[in-house]
Amino acid sequence: GTLNLETDQDFSSGDYQCFELEISGLRGGHSGADIHMELGNSLVLMGRVLGDILQDRDNRLISVYGGDKHNAIPREAFAQLYTKDLPSVSKKVNQWQKVFIQELGEGDAKLTLGVSEQVPTPNVKPLSSHCQTSILRFLLSCPHGIYGWSRSIPGLVSTSTNLAAVKIESNRFIALTSQRSDQESQRDMIAEKTAAIMNACGFTTEFTREYPGWTPNPQSSLLQSCLSVYEKVCKSKAEIQSIHAGLECGVIGDKIPGIEMISFGPDIEAPHTPAERVRIESVNSVWKFLISLLEHL
């Protein structure tokens, strides 16, 4: 979504101080595979903090940005503002940090909220009241998280949406979201709902690409072959899982209807975060399984 921006041309810096609000230390993660963990989203949290700070008309928003990729839960967010009472703002921010840590628990215990005084860029003015309100309403209302659970596989997320990134570029506020579902009708529904909220906040919206869903088939003969080969090679029974994530199988299956597909790989931790890593010993196991499976087929 995109919002054309205007600044307050009548604004005079006068008694104002410029400061930056930073939210960091969140765990982040894969916007699909980790969405069920209900980890903190820095942009969602930023909306709540700004909603409090901007109730005071002596506080004015200059810019806000955070997040990056559509398939990652944003870990950090930043906002620049003007204020006439920095100590009062800092007190509110400290209170919000305590609230968020209590809400999010151990998964995001490293969360930090910080306020630092900045030297304002010469002649930089805050956003107009109208634009400030539009951005704030968007951050407070844009859906994020689980929207529906699978009716056939207990514990599997079926549909979700991710508030992924926001930035200001060329006098435009740009917001990126992504929607997932194993049912295309549900994916389209939550995408349209998100677009409707953006439009209500004054944004124009654009759908950039689609990722076909892949509905699990527990009765697949290919799956049965994999289970048999895995037990022979690894000397243990395989654990079958369906994950809420985009896979190349969805793209292939969309082009070849009815094809049997399987996806497997080594053990990966913390995908789509700076802490992402793979268990080296699992790579060798997967390789042996792949070779044996091909021979069996």
Foldseek 3Di string as FASTA:
>chain_A
DKFFFDFDPPDDCVLKFKKKKKKAQWLKFFQWQCLVLVTDAALLLVLVLCVVVVVDVQKFWQWKKWFDDQGMRTGMIMTMIIHNDVVVSQVSQVVSVVVVCVVRDPNRVRIDIDMDTDDDDPPRGGTDPLVVQLSSQLSNPQDFGADAADPPDPPAGFKTKHFGIWGADPSMIDTDMAIFGLDVVRRVVSVVVNCVSNVVSPGHDDDDDDQAHHDDDPPDPLVVLLQVLLCVQVVDGDDDDDTGDGDVVRVVCVVPPPDDDDDDAFDWPRPPDPPIDTDVVRRVSVVSSVVSSVVVD
